N, C-alpha and C. Protein backbone atom coordinates (compact mmCIF):
# COMPACT_ATOMS: atom_id res chain seq x y z
N MET A 1 0.83 -1.20 0.00
CA MET A 1 0.00 0.00 0.00
C MET A 1 0.87 1.25 0.00
N ARG A 2 1.88 1.27 0.87
CA ARG A 2 2.76 2.43 0.96
C ARG A 2 3.47 2.66 -0.37
N ASN A 3 3.97 1.57 -0.99
CA ASN A 3 4.67 1.72 -2.26
C ASN A 3 3.74 2.24 -3.35
N LYS A 4 2.48 1.84 -3.30
CA LYS A 4 1.52 2.32 -4.28
C LYS A 4 1.34 3.84 -4.15
N CYS A 5 1.27 4.32 -2.91
CA CYS A 5 1.15 5.77 -2.68
C CYS A 5 2.42 6.49 -3.12
N PHE A 6 3.57 5.94 -2.76
CA PHE A 6 4.84 6.56 -3.17
C PHE A 6 4.94 6.61 -4.69
N ARG A 7 4.53 5.54 -5.36
CA ARG A 7 4.61 5.49 -6.83
C ARG A 7 3.71 6.57 -7.43
N LYS A 8 2.56 6.82 -6.80
CA LYS A 8 1.65 7.84 -7.32
C LYS A 8 2.26 9.24 -7.21
N PHE A 9 2.92 9.53 -6.09
CA PHE A 9 3.53 10.84 -5.90
C PHE A 9 4.85 10.99 -6.64
N TYR A 10 5.55 9.88 -6.82
CA TYR A 10 6.88 9.92 -7.46
C TYR A 10 6.94 8.90 -8.59
N PRO A 11 6.41 9.23 -9.77
CA PRO A 11 6.42 8.28 -10.88
C PRO A 11 7.82 8.05 -11.47
N ASP A 12 8.72 9.01 -11.29
CA ASP A 12 10.09 8.85 -11.76
C ASP A 12 10.78 7.74 -10.96
N GLN A 13 11.39 6.79 -11.65
CA GLN A 13 11.98 5.61 -10.99
C GLN A 13 13.05 6.01 -9.97
N GLN A 14 13.88 6.97 -10.28
CA GLN A 14 14.94 7.38 -9.35
C GLN A 14 14.35 8.02 -8.09
N ASP A 15 13.37 8.89 -8.26
CA ASP A 15 12.70 9.50 -7.11
C ASP A 15 11.99 8.44 -6.26
N PHE A 16 11.40 7.45 -6.93
CA PHE A 16 10.70 6.38 -6.22
C PHE A 16 11.67 5.59 -5.34
N LYS A 17 12.83 5.26 -5.88
CA LYS A 17 13.84 4.55 -5.08
C LYS A 17 14.33 5.41 -3.92
N THR A 18 14.52 6.69 -4.19
CA THR A 18 15.01 7.60 -3.14
C THR A 18 13.99 7.72 -2.01
N ILE A 19 12.71 7.87 -2.34
CA ILE A 19 11.70 8.02 -1.28
C ILE A 19 11.57 6.74 -0.46
N LYS A 20 11.70 5.59 -1.11
CA LYS A 20 11.64 4.34 -0.35
C LYS A 20 12.80 4.22 0.63
N LYS A 21 13.99 4.63 0.19
CA LYS A 21 15.16 4.60 1.08
C LYS A 21 14.99 5.59 2.23
N GLU A 22 14.51 6.79 1.91
CA GLU A 22 14.31 7.80 2.95
C GLU A 22 13.27 7.34 3.97
N PHE A 23 12.20 6.70 3.50
CA PHE A 23 11.19 6.20 4.43
C PHE A 23 11.75 5.10 5.32
N ALA A 24 12.54 4.21 4.73
CA ALA A 24 13.16 3.14 5.53
C ALA A 24 14.07 3.74 6.59
N ASP A 25 14.85 4.74 6.23
CA ASP A 25 15.71 5.41 7.21
C ASP A 25 14.88 6.02 8.34
N PHE A 26 13.77 6.65 8.00
CA PHE A 26 12.91 7.27 9.00
C PHE A 26 12.31 6.21 9.93
N ALA A 27 11.77 5.14 9.33
CA ALA A 27 11.10 4.10 10.12
C ALA A 27 12.07 3.34 11.03
N LEU A 28 13.31 3.18 10.57
CA LEU A 28 14.29 2.38 11.32
C LEU A 28 15.29 3.23 12.11
N PHE A 29 15.05 4.54 12.19
CA PHE A 29 15.95 5.46 12.91
C PHE A 29 17.39 5.33 12.40
N MET A 30 17.57 5.39 11.09
CA MET A 30 18.89 5.23 10.50
C MET A 30 19.34 6.52 9.81
N ASN A 31 20.62 6.57 9.51
CA ASN A 31 21.25 7.65 8.77
C ASN A 31 20.86 9.02 9.31
N ALA A 32 20.10 9.82 8.55
CA ALA A 32 19.77 11.18 8.98
C ALA A 32 18.88 11.20 10.22
N PHE A 33 18.23 10.07 10.53
CA PHE A 33 17.28 10.03 11.64
C PHE A 33 17.80 9.27 12.86
N GLU A 34 19.07 8.88 12.87
CA GLU A 34 19.60 8.13 14.02
C GLU A 34 20.16 9.04 15.11
N ASN A 35 20.23 10.32 14.84
CA ASN A 35 20.71 11.29 15.81
C ASN A 35 19.79 11.25 17.05
N PRO A 36 20.35 11.16 18.26
CA PRO A 36 19.50 11.12 19.47
C PRO A 36 18.55 12.32 19.58
N ASP A 37 18.99 13.49 19.13
CA ASP A 37 18.10 14.65 19.16
C ASP A 37 16.88 14.43 18.26
N SER A 38 17.12 13.85 17.09
CA SER A 38 16.03 13.58 16.16
C SER A 38 15.01 12.62 16.78
N ILE A 39 15.52 11.59 17.43
CA ILE A 39 14.63 10.60 18.04
C ILE A 39 13.87 11.21 19.22
N GLU A 40 14.57 11.94 20.05
CA GLU A 40 13.93 12.56 21.23
C GLU A 40 12.91 13.62 20.82
N ASP A 41 13.22 14.38 19.79
CA ASP A 41 12.34 15.47 19.36
C ASP A 41 11.04 14.96 18.75
N ARG A 42 10.97 13.69 18.37
CA ARG A 42 9.71 13.16 17.81
C ARG A 42 8.58 13.27 18.83
N ALA A 43 8.91 13.14 20.10
CA ALA A 43 7.88 13.22 21.15
C ALA A 43 7.60 14.65 21.57
N ASP A 44 8.55 15.55 21.36
CA ASP A 44 8.41 16.92 21.88
C ASP A 44 7.95 17.95 20.85
N PHE A 45 8.28 17.75 19.58
CA PHE A 45 7.98 18.74 18.55
C PHE A 45 6.63 18.44 17.89
N GLU A 46 6.02 19.49 17.35
CA GLU A 46 4.89 19.30 16.45
C GLU A 46 5.46 18.66 15.18
N PRO A 47 4.68 17.83 14.47
CA PRO A 47 5.21 17.14 13.28
C PRO A 47 5.83 18.07 12.24
N LYS A 48 5.17 19.20 11.95
CA LYS A 48 5.72 20.12 10.94
C LYS A 48 7.05 20.71 11.43
N GLN A 49 7.13 21.02 12.72
CA GLN A 49 8.39 21.54 13.28
C GLN A 49 9.49 20.48 13.18
N TRP A 50 9.13 19.25 13.50
CA TRP A 50 10.12 18.18 13.48
C TRP A 50 10.67 17.99 12.07
N TRP A 51 9.78 17.93 11.07
CA TRP A 51 10.25 17.75 9.69
C TRP A 51 11.06 18.96 9.22
N GLY A 52 10.67 20.14 9.64
CA GLY A 52 11.43 21.33 9.28
C GLY A 52 12.82 21.33 9.86
N THR A 53 12.97 20.74 11.05
CA THR A 53 14.26 20.70 11.72
C THR A 53 15.11 19.50 11.30
N HIS A 54 14.50 18.32 11.25
CA HIS A 54 15.28 17.09 11.05
C HIS A 54 15.13 16.47 9.66
N GLY A 55 14.32 17.04 8.81
CA GLY A 55 14.14 16.47 7.49
C GLY A 55 14.96 17.13 6.40
N VAL A 56 15.93 17.93 6.79
CA VAL A 56 16.71 18.72 5.83
C VAL A 56 17.45 17.84 4.82
N SER A 57 18.01 16.73 5.27
CA SER A 57 18.81 15.90 4.36
C SER A 57 17.97 14.89 3.58
N THR A 58 16.68 14.84 3.83
CA THR A 58 15.79 13.94 3.10
C THR A 58 14.74 14.77 2.39
N ARG A 59 15.13 15.32 1.27
CA ARG A 59 14.31 16.30 0.55
C ARG A 59 12.93 15.76 0.17
N LEU A 60 12.86 14.56 -0.41
CA LEU A 60 11.58 14.04 -0.87
C LEU A 60 10.65 13.71 0.30
N SER A 61 11.20 13.09 1.34
CA SER A 61 10.37 12.76 2.51
C SER A 61 9.86 14.02 3.19
N LYS A 62 10.73 14.99 3.30
CA LYS A 62 10.32 16.24 3.95
C LYS A 62 9.20 16.91 3.16
N ASN A 63 9.35 17.01 1.84
CA ASN A 63 8.32 17.64 1.02
C ASN A 63 6.99 16.90 1.11
N LEU A 64 7.05 15.56 1.08
CA LEU A 64 5.82 14.77 1.16
C LEU A 64 5.18 14.94 2.54
N ALA A 65 5.98 14.89 3.59
CA ALA A 65 5.45 15.03 4.95
C ALA A 65 4.79 16.40 5.12
N LEU A 66 5.42 17.44 4.62
CA LEU A 66 4.85 18.78 4.76
C LEU A 66 3.56 18.94 3.96
N LYS A 67 3.48 18.26 2.80
CA LYS A 67 2.23 18.29 2.03
C LYS A 67 1.11 17.60 2.79
N VAL A 68 1.41 16.43 3.34
CA VAL A 68 0.40 15.68 4.08
C VAL A 68 -0.01 16.42 5.34
N LEU A 69 0.96 16.94 6.07
CA LEU A 69 0.66 17.64 7.32
C LEU A 69 -0.01 18.99 7.09
N GLY A 70 0.12 19.52 5.89
CA GLY A 70 -0.48 20.82 5.57
C GLY A 70 -1.94 20.72 5.15
N GLN A 71 -2.48 19.50 5.04
CA GLN A 71 -3.87 19.33 4.66
C GLN A 71 -4.78 19.80 5.79
N PRO A 72 -5.79 20.57 5.48
CA PRO A 72 -6.70 21.01 6.55
C PRO A 72 -7.53 19.83 7.04
N ALA A 73 -7.72 19.75 8.32
CA ALA A 73 -8.55 18.70 8.91
C ALA A 73 -10.00 19.16 8.90
N SER A 74 -10.84 18.35 8.32
CA SER A 74 -12.25 18.72 8.23
C SER A 74 -13.10 17.46 8.22
N SER A 75 -14.23 17.55 8.85
CA SER A 75 -15.16 16.42 8.85
C SER A 75 -16.30 16.65 7.85
N SER A 76 -16.20 17.68 7.03
CA SER A 76 -17.31 18.02 6.14
C SER A 76 -17.62 16.90 5.16
N CYS A 77 -16.61 16.20 4.65
CA CYS A 77 -16.86 15.10 3.72
C CYS A 77 -17.61 13.97 4.42
N CYS A 78 -17.22 13.67 5.66
CA CYS A 78 -17.91 12.63 6.42
C CYS A 78 -19.35 13.05 6.70
N GLU A 79 -19.52 14.29 7.09
CA GLU A 79 -20.86 14.80 7.38
C GLU A 79 -21.74 14.71 6.13
N ARG A 80 -21.17 15.01 4.99
CA ARG A 80 -21.92 14.94 3.74
C ARG A 80 -22.34 13.50 3.46
N ASN A 81 -21.42 12.53 3.68
CA ASN A 81 -21.76 11.12 3.48
C ASN A 81 -22.85 10.68 4.44
N TRP A 82 -22.75 11.07 5.70
CA TRP A 82 -23.76 10.67 6.68
C TRP A 82 -25.11 11.26 6.34
N SER A 83 -25.11 12.49 5.86
CA SER A 83 -26.36 13.13 5.46
C SER A 83 -26.99 12.37 4.30
N THR A 84 -26.19 12.02 3.31
CA THR A 84 -26.68 11.27 2.16
C THR A 84 -27.19 9.91 2.60
N TYR A 85 -26.45 9.25 3.48
CA TYR A 85 -26.86 7.95 3.99
C TYR A 85 -28.20 8.07 4.73
N GLY A 86 -28.36 9.13 5.54
CA GLY A 86 -29.62 9.35 6.24
C GLY A 86 -30.78 9.57 5.29
N PHE A 87 -30.52 10.22 4.16
CA PHE A 87 -31.55 10.44 3.16
C PHE A 87 -31.93 9.12 2.48
N ILE A 88 -30.91 8.32 2.15
CA ILE A 88 -31.15 7.06 1.43
C ILE A 88 -31.75 6.00 2.35
N HIS A 89 -31.23 5.87 3.54
CA HIS A 89 -31.69 4.81 4.46
C HIS A 89 -32.60 5.42 5.52
N SER A 90 -33.77 5.86 5.08
CA SER A 90 -34.73 6.51 5.98
C SER A 90 -35.73 5.47 6.48
N ALA A 91 -36.69 5.93 7.26
CA ALA A 91 -37.72 5.03 7.78
C ALA A 91 -38.51 4.39 6.65
N ALA A 92 -38.69 5.13 5.56
CA ALA A 92 -39.43 4.59 4.43
C ALA A 92 -38.63 3.54 3.66
N ARG A 93 -37.33 3.58 3.81
CA ARG A 93 -36.47 2.65 3.07
C ARG A 93 -35.63 1.81 4.04
N ASN A 94 -36.19 1.40 5.13
CA ASN A 94 -35.40 0.70 6.13
C ASN A 94 -35.12 -0.76 5.81
N LYS A 95 -35.62 -1.27 4.70
CA LYS A 95 -35.35 -2.66 4.33
C LYS A 95 -34.10 -2.79 3.45
N LEU A 96 -33.44 -1.68 3.17
CA LEU A 96 -32.19 -1.75 2.40
C LEU A 96 -31.12 -2.42 3.23
N THR A 97 -30.35 -3.28 2.61
CA THR A 97 -29.22 -3.87 3.33
C THR A 97 -28.13 -2.81 3.48
N PRO A 98 -27.28 -2.92 4.48
CA PRO A 98 -26.20 -1.94 4.63
C PRO A 98 -25.31 -1.85 3.39
N ALA A 99 -25.04 -2.97 2.75
CA ALA A 99 -24.19 -2.96 1.55
C ALA A 99 -24.88 -2.19 0.42
N ARG A 100 -26.19 -2.41 0.27
CA ARG A 100 -26.94 -1.71 -0.79
C ARG A 100 -26.97 -0.20 -0.51
N ALA A 101 -27.20 0.17 0.74
CA ALA A 101 -27.22 1.59 1.10
C ALA A 101 -25.85 2.22 0.85
N ALA A 102 -24.78 1.51 1.22
CA ALA A 102 -23.43 2.03 0.99
C ALA A 102 -23.17 2.22 -0.50
N ASP A 103 -23.64 1.27 -1.32
CA ASP A 103 -23.48 1.40 -2.78
C ASP A 103 -24.24 2.61 -3.31
N LEU A 104 -25.43 2.85 -2.79
CA LEU A 104 -26.22 4.01 -3.23
C LEU A 104 -25.55 5.33 -2.83
N VAL A 105 -24.99 5.39 -1.62
CA VAL A 105 -24.27 6.59 -1.18
C VAL A 105 -23.06 6.82 -2.08
N PHE A 106 -22.31 5.75 -2.37
CA PHE A 106 -21.14 5.84 -3.24
C PHE A 106 -21.54 6.37 -4.62
N THR A 107 -22.61 5.80 -5.19
CA THR A 107 -23.08 6.22 -6.51
C THR A 107 -23.54 7.67 -6.48
N HIS A 108 -24.28 8.05 -5.45
CA HIS A 108 -24.76 9.44 -5.34
C HIS A 108 -23.61 10.43 -5.29
N ASN A 109 -22.60 10.14 -4.46
CA ASN A 109 -21.46 11.07 -4.33
C ASN A 109 -20.65 11.15 -5.62
N ASN A 110 -20.45 10.02 -6.28
CA ASN A 110 -19.71 10.07 -7.55
C ASN A 110 -20.49 10.80 -8.63
N HIS A 111 -21.79 10.61 -8.64
CA HIS A 111 -22.62 11.34 -9.61
C HIS A 111 -22.53 12.85 -9.36
N ARG A 112 -22.57 13.23 -8.08
CA ARG A 112 -22.46 14.66 -7.72
C ARG A 112 -21.11 15.22 -8.17
N LEU A 113 -20.03 14.47 -7.94
CA LEU A 113 -18.71 14.95 -8.34
C LEU A 113 -18.57 15.03 -9.86
N LEU A 114 -19.09 14.03 -10.57
CA LEU A 114 -19.02 14.06 -12.03
C LEU A 114 -19.87 15.18 -12.62
N SER A 115 -21.00 15.48 -11.98
CA SER A 115 -21.87 16.52 -12.52
C SER A 115 -21.23 17.90 -12.44
N ARG A 116 -20.22 18.07 -11.60
CA ARG A 116 -19.56 19.38 -11.49
C ARG A 116 -18.85 19.79 -12.77
N ASN A 117 -18.64 18.84 -13.68
CA ASN A 117 -17.98 19.16 -14.95
C ASN A 117 -18.96 19.67 -15.99
N SER A 118 -20.26 19.61 -15.72
CA SER A 118 -21.24 20.02 -16.71
C SER A 118 -21.55 21.51 -16.61
N GLN A 119 -21.94 22.07 -17.72
CA GLN A 119 -22.30 23.48 -17.76
C GLN A 119 -23.58 23.72 -16.98
N ALA A 120 -24.50 22.76 -17.01
CA ALA A 120 -25.76 22.91 -16.28
C ALA A 120 -25.50 23.02 -14.78
N TYR A 121 -24.49 22.36 -14.31
CA TYR A 121 -24.17 22.44 -12.87
C TYR A 121 -23.74 23.85 -12.49
N LEU A 122 -22.95 24.47 -13.36
CA LEU A 122 -22.43 25.80 -13.06
C LEU A 122 -23.47 26.90 -13.20
N THR A 123 -24.48 26.68 -14.03
CA THR A 123 -25.46 27.73 -14.27
C THR A 123 -26.86 27.37 -13.79
N GLY A 124 -27.13 26.11 -13.53
CA GLY A 124 -28.46 25.65 -13.17
C GLY A 124 -28.79 25.86 -11.70
N PRO A 125 -29.89 25.26 -11.27
CA PRO A 125 -30.36 25.43 -9.89
C PRO A 125 -29.40 24.85 -8.84
N SER A 126 -28.54 23.93 -9.24
CA SER A 126 -27.64 23.33 -8.25
C SER A 126 -26.63 24.32 -7.71
N LYS A 127 -26.40 25.42 -8.41
CA LYS A 127 -25.46 26.42 -7.90
C LYS A 127 -25.95 27.01 -6.59
N MET A 128 -27.25 26.86 -6.31
CA MET A 128 -27.83 27.43 -5.10
C MET A 128 -27.39 26.67 -3.84
N TRP A 129 -27.29 25.35 -3.95
CA TRP A 129 -27.01 24.56 -2.75
C TRP A 129 -25.56 24.15 -2.61
N ASP A 130 -24.76 24.33 -3.63
CA ASP A 130 -23.35 23.93 -3.55
C ASP A 130 -22.47 25.15 -3.69
N ILE A 131 -22.69 26.13 -2.86
CA ILE A 131 -22.01 27.41 -2.98
C ILE A 131 -20.51 27.26 -2.83
N GLY A 132 -20.05 26.56 -1.80
CA GLY A 132 -18.62 26.42 -1.56
C GLY A 132 -18.02 25.18 -2.20
N GLY A 133 -18.84 24.23 -2.61
CA GLY A 133 -18.33 22.98 -3.13
C GLY A 133 -17.49 22.28 -2.08
N ASP A 134 -16.47 21.61 -2.54
CA ASP A 134 -15.56 20.95 -1.62
C ASP A 134 -14.33 21.78 -1.36
N GLY A 135 -14.30 23.00 -1.89
CA GLY A 135 -13.13 23.84 -1.71
C GLY A 135 -13.01 24.33 -0.28
N VAL A 136 -11.79 24.60 0.12
CA VAL A 136 -11.55 25.13 1.45
C VAL A 136 -11.16 26.59 1.29
N GLU A 137 -11.96 27.46 1.88
CA GLU A 137 -11.66 28.88 1.79
C GLU A 137 -10.59 29.23 2.80
N SER A 138 -9.68 30.07 2.38
CA SER A 138 -8.63 30.51 3.29
C SER A 138 -8.90 31.95 3.68
N PHE A 139 -8.97 32.20 4.97
CA PHE A 139 -9.17 33.55 5.46
C PHE A 139 -7.88 34.08 6.06
N GLY A 140 -6.74 33.56 5.61
CA GLY A 140 -5.45 34.00 6.15
C GLY A 140 -5.24 35.48 5.93
N GLY A 141 -4.86 36.18 6.96
CA GLY A 141 -4.59 37.60 6.85
C GLY A 141 -5.83 38.47 6.90
N VAL A 142 -7.00 37.85 7.01
CA VAL A 142 -8.24 38.61 7.04
C VAL A 142 -8.72 38.67 8.48
N GLY A 143 -9.11 39.84 8.91
CA GLY A 143 -9.63 39.99 10.26
C GLY A 143 -10.94 39.26 10.42
N MET A 144 -11.33 38.95 11.64
CA MET A 144 -12.53 38.18 11.91
C MET A 144 -13.77 38.85 11.35
N LEU A 145 -13.92 40.14 11.53
CA LEU A 145 -15.12 40.81 11.04
C LEU A 145 -15.14 40.90 9.53
N GLU A 146 -13.98 41.00 8.90
CA GLU A 146 -13.93 41.07 7.45
C GLU A 146 -14.31 39.74 6.83
N GLY A 147 -13.92 38.62 7.47
CA GLY A 147 -14.23 37.30 6.94
C GLY A 147 -15.64 36.86 7.26
N ALA A 148 -16.31 37.48 8.20
CA ALA A 148 -17.63 37.04 8.66
C ALA A 148 -18.73 37.93 8.12
N ASP A 149 -18.72 38.18 6.82
CA ASP A 149 -19.74 39.05 6.24
C ASP A 149 -20.92 38.25 5.67
N LEU A 150 -21.16 37.06 6.18
CA LEU A 150 -22.27 36.25 5.70
C LEU A 150 -23.57 36.77 6.31
N SER A 151 -24.63 36.65 5.54
CA SER A 151 -25.91 37.15 6.01
C SER A 151 -27.02 36.29 5.44
N LEU A 152 -28.08 36.11 6.20
CA LEU A 152 -29.26 35.42 5.69
C LEU A 152 -30.21 36.39 5.01
N ASP A 153 -29.94 37.65 5.13
CA ASP A 153 -30.80 38.67 4.56
C ASP A 153 -30.25 39.05 3.18
N GLU A 154 -30.40 38.15 2.20
CA GLU A 154 -29.88 38.36 0.85
C GLU A 154 -31.05 38.38 -0.13
N PRO A 155 -31.58 39.54 -0.48
CA PRO A 155 -32.76 39.60 -1.35
C PRO A 155 -32.55 38.94 -2.71
N ALA A 156 -31.39 39.13 -3.33
CA ALA A 156 -31.16 38.54 -4.66
C ALA A 156 -31.14 37.01 -4.57
N LEU A 157 -30.49 36.49 -3.55
CA LEU A 157 -30.43 35.06 -3.37
C LEU A 157 -31.82 34.49 -3.06
N GLU A 158 -32.57 35.21 -2.25
CA GLU A 158 -33.92 34.78 -1.91
C GLU A 158 -34.80 34.72 -3.16
N GLU A 159 -34.68 35.72 -4.05
CA GLU A 159 -35.44 35.72 -5.29
C GLU A 159 -35.11 34.52 -6.16
N GLU A 160 -33.80 34.20 -6.25
CA GLU A 160 -33.41 33.05 -7.07
C GLU A 160 -33.97 31.75 -6.51
N ILE A 161 -33.97 31.62 -5.19
CA ILE A 161 -34.51 30.41 -4.57
C ILE A 161 -36.00 30.29 -4.84
N ILE A 162 -36.72 31.40 -4.68
CA ILE A 162 -38.18 31.38 -4.93
C ILE A 162 -38.46 31.08 -6.39
N ASP A 163 -37.69 31.69 -7.32
CA ASP A 163 -37.88 31.44 -8.74
C ASP A 163 -37.60 29.99 -9.09
N SER A 164 -36.58 29.39 -8.46
CA SER A 164 -36.25 27.99 -8.79
C SER A 164 -37.29 27.02 -8.25
N LEU A 165 -38.03 27.42 -7.20
CA LEU A 165 -39.05 26.55 -6.63
C LEU A 165 -40.39 26.66 -7.37
N THR A 166 -40.59 27.75 -8.10
CA THR A 166 -41.87 27.91 -8.79
C THR A 166 -41.79 27.49 -10.23
């Protein structure tokens, strides 16, 4: 499994060999990672700090670790799946087997993702409910009040919703 992930990130054969060696060194506390400070700091440092300090000689591992650690943590995808599952496996449809319900949730989510490539998705009524999509907005450098300009009192948006329902 690990090699499959490494191969995806590093399709070049030389980079693939290098990342495998760097990972082995990390896992076995060898070479660049056998320093007692490096081992001790694993418990004391935040992961990004540790890689910034001790990953200098392992360029590919450091870059991959920083990419992985830089991902925002969010439960929104899980919440979306649970919501879809609740819609599919309701009291009216309680005779669905768990496997069948899981297949329907999988199909629904893939259909939603594929539909984002269509022009109708970008201009049709679906633009109303998928305002942010799966994107993560960054409010870096923006003050709290500047980033919190959301309002439920939006006459233009309200008109579009009423028009789409009639």
